[in-house]
Each structure stands twice: as C-alpha cells, then as structure tokens.
Amino acid sequence: MKAQLINKFLIKDLDSVDFYLDIKVDKDRAKRTIYLTQTTAIDRIIKELGIKDYKIIKTSIESGL
C-alpha cells in the first residue's frame, strides 16, 4: 500500500512518527494498537493561561472504529 501511495502522490517517507501536530503517537505493533496523547499541547496551553488547579481525567475511543 505504501508503494501505491508513493506512486500516486508526491510524498516523502519520513519513517516512523513520534509526534504530529503536538500529538504524541505511541505504537504497539505486537498488540496492533496506536495511542494518541495531547499532553504536550495541553501542558503548553495550561502554562500560557496560567492555570494552577485542574483535574486530570482519562477518556478513550471505542476500538475498531
């Protein structure tokens, strides 16, 4: 599939991605899962706004979508 995309579109393979648009990408190939976290962006926004007291919550998306 990668070869087909490269042949059809002008793209450059940059190998594995760790961050994209302030989103951290963690892959577990054995479990075939991808985890996306926005901690970096959220921490930057919290610091810019001067927020001191906040509560961390976890959310997830249904797998297989």
PDB file of N, CA and C in Angstrom:
ATOM      1  N   MET A   1       0.824  -1.182   0.000  1.00  0.00           N
ATOM      2  CA  MET A   1       0.000   0.000   0.000  1.00  0.00           C
ATOM      3  C   MET A   1       0.874   1.253   0.000  1.00  0.00           C
ATOM      4  N   LYS A   2       1.965   1.222   0.767  1.00  0.00           N
ATOM      5  CA  LYS A   2       2.843   2.387   0.813  1.00  0.00           C
ATOM      6  C   LYS A   2       3.380   2.705  -0.581  1.00  0.00           C
ATOM      7  N   ALA A   3       3.789   1.684  -1.299  1.00  0.00           N
ATOM      8  CA  ALA A   3       4.322   1.889  -2.647  1.00  0.00           C
ATOM      9  C   ALA A   3       3.273   2.493  -3.573  1.00  0.00           C
ATOM     10  N   GLN A   4       2.034   2.063  -3.436  1.00  0.00           N
ATOM     11  CA  GLN A   4       0.950   2.614  -4.264  1.00  0.00           C
ATOM     12  C   GLN A   4       0.737   4.096  -3.964  1.00  0.00           C
ATOM     13  N   LEU A   5       0.783   4.474  -2.691  1.00  0.00           N
ATOM     14  CA  LEU A   5       0.619   5.881  -2.320  1.00  0.00           C
ATOM     15  C   LEU A   5       1.762   6.728  -2.858  1.00  0.00           C
ATOM     16  N   ILE A   6       2.989   6.206  -2.739  1.00  0.00           N
ATOM     17  CA  ILE A   6       4.160   6.934  -3.222  1.00  0.00           C
ATOM     18  C   ILE A   6       4.089   7.124  -4.729  1.00  0.00           C
ATOM     19  N   ASN A   7       3.585   6.120  -5.457  1.00  0.00           N
ATOM     20  CA  ASN A   7       3.458   6.228  -6.908  1.00  0.00           C
ATOM     21  C   ASN A   7       2.366   7.199  -7.329  1.00  0.00           C
ATOM     22  N   LYS A   8       1.322   7.329  -6.529  1.00  0.00           N
ATOM     23  CA  LYS A   8       0.171   8.170  -6.898  1.00  0.00           C
ATOM     24  C   LYS A   8       0.346   9.619  -6.446  1.00  0.00           C
ATOM     25  N   PHE A   9       0.984   9.850  -5.290  1.00  0.00           N
ATOM     26  CA  PHE A   9       1.103  11.180  -4.723  1.00  0.00           C
ATOM     27  C   PHE A   9       2.563  11.553  -4.522  1.00  0.00           C
ATOM     28  N   LEU A  10       2.834  12.835  -4.544  1.00  0.00           N
ATOM     29  CA  LEU A  10       4.177  13.335  -4.279  1.00  0.00           C
ATOM     30  C   LEU A  10       4.370  13.387  -2.771  1.00  0.00           C
ATOM     31  N   ILE A  11       4.934  12.316  -2.215  1.00  0.00           N
ATOM     32  CA  ILE A  11       5.148  12.235  -0.773  1.00  0.00           C
ATOM     33  C   ILE A  11       6.557  11.744  -0.496  1.00  0.00           C
ATOM     34  N   LYS A  12       6.978  11.952   0.726  1.00  0.00           N
ATOM     35  CA  LYS A  12       8.286  11.502   1.166  1.00  0.00           C
ATOM     36  C   LYS A  12       8.097  10.665   2.419  1.00  0.00           C
ATOM     37  N   ASP A  13       8.635   9.466   2.436  1.00  0.00           N
ATOM     38  CA  ASP A  13       8.534   8.584   3.593  1.00  0.00           C
ATOM     39  C   ASP A  13       9.538   9.043   4.644  1.00  0.00           C
ATOM     40  N   LEU A  14       9.036   9.535   5.766  1.00  0.00           N
ATOM     41  CA  LEU A  14       9.885  10.025   6.843  1.00  0.00           C
ATOM     42  C   LEU A  14      10.064   9.000   7.945  1.00  0.00           C
ATOM     43  N   ASP A  15       9.692   7.766   7.684  1.00  0.00           N
ATOM     44  CA  ASP A  15       9.828   6.667   8.639  1.00  0.00           C
ATOM     45  C   ASP A  15       8.765   6.774   9.725  1.00  0.00           C
ATOM     46  N   SER A  16       9.049   6.294  10.899  1.00  0.00           N
ATOM     47  CA  SER A  16       8.083   6.249  11.987  1.00  0.00           C
ATOM     48  C   SER A  16       7.851   7.644  12.572  1.00  0.00           C
ATOM     49  N   VAL A  17       6.621   7.921  12.966  1.00  0.00           N
ATOM     50  CA  VAL A  17       6.274   9.220  13.543  1.00  0.00           C
ATOM     51  C   VAL A  17       6.135   9.081  15.059  1.00  0.00           C
ATOM     52  N   ASP A  18       6.718  10.025  15.802  1.00  0.00           N
ATOM     53  CA  ASP A  18       6.584  10.052  17.255  1.00  0.00           C
ATOM     54  C   ASP A  18       5.671  11.187  17.701  1.00  0.00           C
ATOM     55  N   PHE A  19       5.754  12.323  17.013  1.00  0.00           N
ATOM     56  CA  PHE A  19       4.890  13.471  17.285  1.00  0.00           C
ATOM     57  C   PHE A  19       4.353  14.001  15.975  1.00  0.00           C
ATOM     58  N   TYR A  20       3.094  14.437  15.973  1.00  0.00           N
ATOM     59  CA  TYR A  20       2.486  15.050  14.801  1.00  0.00           C
ATOM     60  C   TYR A  20       1.494  16.088  15.282  1.00  0.00           C
ATOM     61  N   LEU A  21       1.715  17.346  14.934  1.00  0.00           N
ATOM     62  CA  LEU A  21       0.831  18.453  15.333  1.00  0.00           C
ATOM     63  C   LEU A  21       0.590  18.468  16.841  1.00  0.00           C
ATOM     64  N   ASP A  22       1.642  18.373  17.617  1.00  0.00           N
ATOM     65  CA  ASP A  22       1.579  18.370  19.079  1.00  0.00           C
ATOM     66  C   ASP A  22       0.879  17.146  19.665  1.00  0.00           C
ATOM     67  N   ILE A  23       0.700  16.123  18.876  1.00  0.00           N
ATOM     68  CA  ILE A  23       0.082  14.878  19.354  1.00  0.00           C
ATOM     69  C   ILE A  23       1.161  13.798  19.384  1.00  0.00           C
ATOM     70  N   LYS A  24       1.324  13.170  20.539  1.00  0.00           N
ATOM     71  CA  LYS A  24       2.299  12.089  20.676  1.00  0.00           C
ATOM     72  C   LYS A  24       1.674  10.790  20.166  1.00  0.00           C
ATOM     73  N   VAL A  25       2.430  10.065  19.363  1.00  0.00           N
ATOM     74  CA  VAL A  25       1.955   8.819  18.761  1.00  0.00           C
ATOM     75  C   VAL A  25       2.777   7.667  19.323  1.00  0.00           C
ATOM     76  N   ASP A  26       2.111   6.763  20.036  1.00  0.00           N
ATOM     77  CA  ASP A  26       2.762   5.561  20.577  1.00  0.00           C
ATOM     78  C   ASP A  26       2.137   4.346  19.913  1.00  0.00           C
ATOM     79  N   LYS A  27       2.993   3.504  19.345  1.00  0.00           N
ATOM     80  CA  LYS A  27       2.508   2.315  18.648  1.00  0.00           C
ATOM     81  C   LYS A  27       2.996   1.059  19.346  1.00  0.00           C
ATOM     82  N   ASP A  28       2.116   0.080  19.457  1.00  0.00           N
ATOM     83  CA  ASP A  28       2.484  -1.238  19.961  1.00  0.00           C
ATOM     84  C   ASP A  28       2.145  -2.224  18.845  1.00  0.00           C
ATOM     85  N   ARG A  29       3.149  -2.543  18.054  1.00  0.00           N
ATOM     86  CA  ARG A  29       2.915  -3.399  16.888  1.00  0.00           C
ATOM     87  C   ARG A  29       2.458  -4.800  17.286  1.00  0.00           C
ATOM     88  N   ALA A  30       2.968  -5.314  18.389  1.00  0.00           N
ATOM     89  CA  ALA A  30       2.577  -6.658  18.837  1.00  0.00           C
ATOM     90  C   ALA A  30       1.082  -6.714  19.157  1.00  0.00           C
ATOM     91  N   LYS A  31       0.573  -5.669  19.806  1.00  0.00           N
ATOM     92  CA  LYS A  31      -0.850  -5.619  20.169  1.00  0.00           C
ATOM     93  C   LYS A  31      -1.700  -4.972  19.078  1.00  0.00           C
ATOM     94  N   ARG A  32      -1.020  -4.425  18.034  1.00  0.00           N
ATOM     95  CA  ARG A  32      -1.694  -3.740  16.932  1.00  0.00           C
ATOM     96  C   ARG A  32      -2.541  -2.573  17.450  1.00  0.00           C
ATOM     97  N   THR A  33      -1.916  -1.751  18.315  1.00  0.00           N
ATOM     98  CA  THR A  33      -2.616  -0.595  18.873  1.00  0.00           C
ATOM     99  C   THR A  33      -1.820   0.685  18.628  1.00  0.00           C
ATOM    100  N   ILE A  34      -2.535   1.784  18.605  1.00  0.00           N
ATOM    101  CA  ILE A  34      -1.939   3.112  18.497  1.00  0.00           C
ATOM    102  C   ILE A  34      -2.555   3.970  19.588  1.00  0.00           C
ATOM    103  N   TYR A  35      -1.701   4.677  20.337  1.00  0.00           N
ATOM    104  CA  TYR A  35      -2.161   5.575  21.383  1.00  0.00           C
ATOM    105  C   TYR A  35      -1.792   6.999  20.984  1.00  0.00           C
ATOM    106  N   LEU A  36      -2.763   7.899  21.037  1.00  0.00           N
ATOM    107  CA  LEU A  36      -2.545   9.304  20.730  1.00  0.00           C
ATOM    108  C   LEU A  36      -2.764  10.112  22.001  1.00  0.00           C
ATOM    109  N   THR A  37      -1.785  10.926  22.362  1.00  0.00           N
ATOM    110  CA  THR A  37      -1.930  11.762  23.546  1.00  0.00           C
ATOM    111  C   THR A  37      -1.562  13.202  23.205  1.00  0.00           C
ATOM    112  N   GLN A  38      -2.276  14.129  23.822  1.00  0.00           N
ATOM    113  CA  GLN A  38      -2.066  15.551  23.572  1.00  0.00           C
ATOM    114  C   GLN A  38      -1.453  16.254  24.778  1.00  0.00           C
ATOM    115  N   THR A  39      -0.744  15.525  25.594  1.00  0.00           N
ATOM    116  CA  THR A  39      -0.180  16.077  26.825  1.00  0.00           C
ATOM    117  C   THR A  39       0.690  17.301  26.562  1.00  0.00           C
ATOM    118  N   THR A  40       1.526  17.251  25.547  1.00  0.00           N
ATOM    119  CA  THR A  40       2.427  18.361  25.245  1.00  0.00           C
ATOM    120  C   THR A  40       1.638  19.626  24.953  1.00  0.00           C
ATOM    121  N   ALA A  41       0.643  19.531  24.092  1.00  0.00           N
ATOM    122  CA  ALA A  41      -0.173  20.697  23.742  1.00  0.00           C
ATOM    123  C   ALA A  41      -0.964  21.201  24.948  1.00  0.00           C
ATOM    124  N   ILE A  42      -1.525  20.284  25.703  1.00  0.00           N
ATOM    125  CA  ILE A  42      -2.316  20.668  26.880  1.00  0.00           C
ATOM    126  C   ILE A  42      -1.438  21.357  27.912  1.00  0.00           C
ATOM    127  N   ASP A  43      -0.258  20.810  28.173  1.00  0.00           N
ATOM    128  CA  ASP A  43       0.664  21.430  29.132  1.00  0.00           C
ATOM    129  C   ASP A  43       1.048  22.844  28.696  1.00  0.00           C
ATOM    130  N   ARG A  44       1.267  23.033  27.393  1.00  0.00           N
ATOM    131  CA  ARG A  44       1.616  24.357  26.873  1.00  0.00           C
ATOM    132  C   ARG A  44       0.464  25.338  27.070  1.00  0.00           C
ATOM    133  N   ILE A  45      -0.749  24.911  26.778  1.00  0.00           N
ATOM    134  CA  ILE A  45      -1.925  25.776  26.928  1.00  0.00           C
ATOM    135  C   ILE A  45      -2.159  26.125  28.389  1.00  0.00           C
ATOM    136  N   ILE A  46      -2.043  25.146  29.282  1.00  0.00           N
ATOM    137  CA  ILE A  46      -2.225  25.384  30.716  1.00  0.00           C
ATOM    138  C   ILE A  46      -1.207  26.407  31.212  1.00  0.00           C
ATOM    139  N   LYS A  47       0.023  26.268  30.757  1.00  0.00           N
ATOM    140  CA  LYS A  47       1.069  27.210  31.163  1.00  0.00           C
ATOM    141  C   LYS A  47       0.783  28.611  30.617  1.00  0.00           C
ATOM    142  N   GLU A  48       0.380  28.709  29.353  1.00  0.00           N
ATOM    143  CA  GLU A  48       0.076  30.008  28.741  1.00  0.00           C
ATOM    144  C   GLU A  48      -1.078  30.705  29.451  1.00  0.00           C
ATOM    145  N   LEU A  49      -2.073  29.932  29.894  1.00  0.00           N
ATOM    146  CA  LEU A  49      -3.240  30.514  30.551  1.00  0.00           C
ATOM    147  C   LEU A  49      -3.036  30.722  32.043  1.00  0.00           C
ATOM    148  N   GLY A  50      -1.944  30.197  32.568  1.00  0.00           N
ATOM    149  CA  GLY A  50      -1.653  30.370  33.987  1.00  0.00           C
ATOM    150  C   GLY A  50      -2.576  29.574  34.898  1.00  0.00           C
ATOM    151  N   ILE A  51      -3.081  28.463  34.414  1.00  0.00           N
ATOM    152  CA  ILE A  51      -3.986  27.634  35.207  1.00  0.00           C
ATOM    153  C   ILE A  51      -3.159  26.836  36.216  1.00  0.00           C
ATOM    154  N   LYS A  52      -3.551  26.893  37.477  1.00  0.00           N
ATOM    155  CA  LYS A  52      -2.810  26.201  38.538  1.00  0.00           C
ATOM    156  C   LYS A  52      -3.533  24.938  39.027  1.00  0.00           C
ATOM    157  N   ASP A  53      -4.847  25.020  39.196  1.00  0.00           N
ATOM    158  CA  ASP A  53      -5.613  23.894  39.734  1.00  0.00           C
ATOM    159  C   ASP A  53      -6.480  23.285  38.641  1.00  0.00           C
ATOM    160  N   TYR A  54      -6.210  22.041  38.315  1.00  0.00           N
ATOM    161  CA  TYR A  54      -7.012  21.348  37.329  1.00  0.00           C
ATOM    162  C   TYR A  54      -7.047  19.860  37.678  1.00  0.00           C
ATOM    163  N   LYS A  55      -8.054  19.183  37.139  1.00  0.00           N
ATOM    164  CA  LYS A  55      -8.243  17.766  37.419  1.00  0.00           C
ATOM    165  C   LYS A  55      -7.999  16.967  36.130  1.00  0.00           C
ATOM    166  N   ILE A  56      -7.160  15.959  36.202  1.00  0.00           N
ATOM    167  CA  ILE A  56      -6.854  15.108  35.061  1.00  0.00           C
ATOM    168  C   ILE A  56      -7.886  13.991  34.977  1.00  0.00           C
ATOM    169  N   ILE A  57      -8.434  13.779  33.783  1.00  0.00           N
ATOM    170  CA  ILE A  57      -9.355  12.663  33.556  1.00  0.00           C
ATOM    171  C   ILE A  57      -8.891  11.893  32.325  1.00  0.00           C
ATOM    172  N   LYS A  58      -9.230  10.630  32.260  1.00  0.00           N
ATOM    173  CA  LYS A  58      -8.885   9.800  31.109  1.00  0.00           C
ATOM    174  C   LYS A  58     -10.119   9.582  30.257  1.00  0.00           C
ATOM    175  N   THR A  59      -9.924   9.646  28.961  1.00  0.00           N
ATOM    176  CA  THR A  59     -11.009   9.334  28.020  1.00  0.00           C
ATOM    177  C   THR A  59     -10.462   8.357  27.002  1.00  0.00           C
ATOM    178  N   SER A  60     -11.317   7.598  26.406  1.00  0.00           N
ATOM    179  CA  SER A  60     -10.882   6.662  25.386  1.00  0.00           C
ATOM    180  C   SER A  60     -11.923   6.600  24.268  1.00  0.00           C
ATOM    181  N   ILE A  61     -11.480   6.112  23.141  1.00  0.00           N
ATOM    182  CA  ILE A  61     -12.355   5.932  21.987  1.00  0.00           C
ATOM    183  C   ILE A  61     -12.569   4.434  21.801  1.00  0.00           C
ATOM    184  N   GLU A  62     -13.764   4.073  21.448  1.00  0.00           N
ATOM    185  CA  GLU A  62     -14.070   2.664  21.202  1.00  0.00           C
ATOM    186  C   GLU A  62     -13.136   2.105  20.131  1.00  0.00           C
ATOM    187  N   SER A  63     -12.544   0.962  20.405  1.00  0.00           N
ATOM    188  CA  SER A  63     -11.638   0.359  19.430  1.00  0.00           C
ATOM    189  C   SER A  63     -12.411  -0.199  18.247  1.00  0.00           C
ATOM    190  N   GLY A  64     -11.729  -0.290  17.129  1.00  0.00           N
ATOM    191  CA  GLY A  64     -12.334  -0.865  15.921  1.00  0.00           C
ATOM    192  C   GLY A  64     -13.118   0.114  15.103  1.00  0.00           C
ATOM    193  N   LEU A  65     -13.026   1.400  15.407  1.00  0.00           N
ATOM    194  CA  LEU A  65     -13.763   2.381  14.615  1.00  0.00           C
ATOM    195  C   LEU A  65     -13.101   2.637  13.296  1.00  0.00           C
TER     196      LEU A  65
END
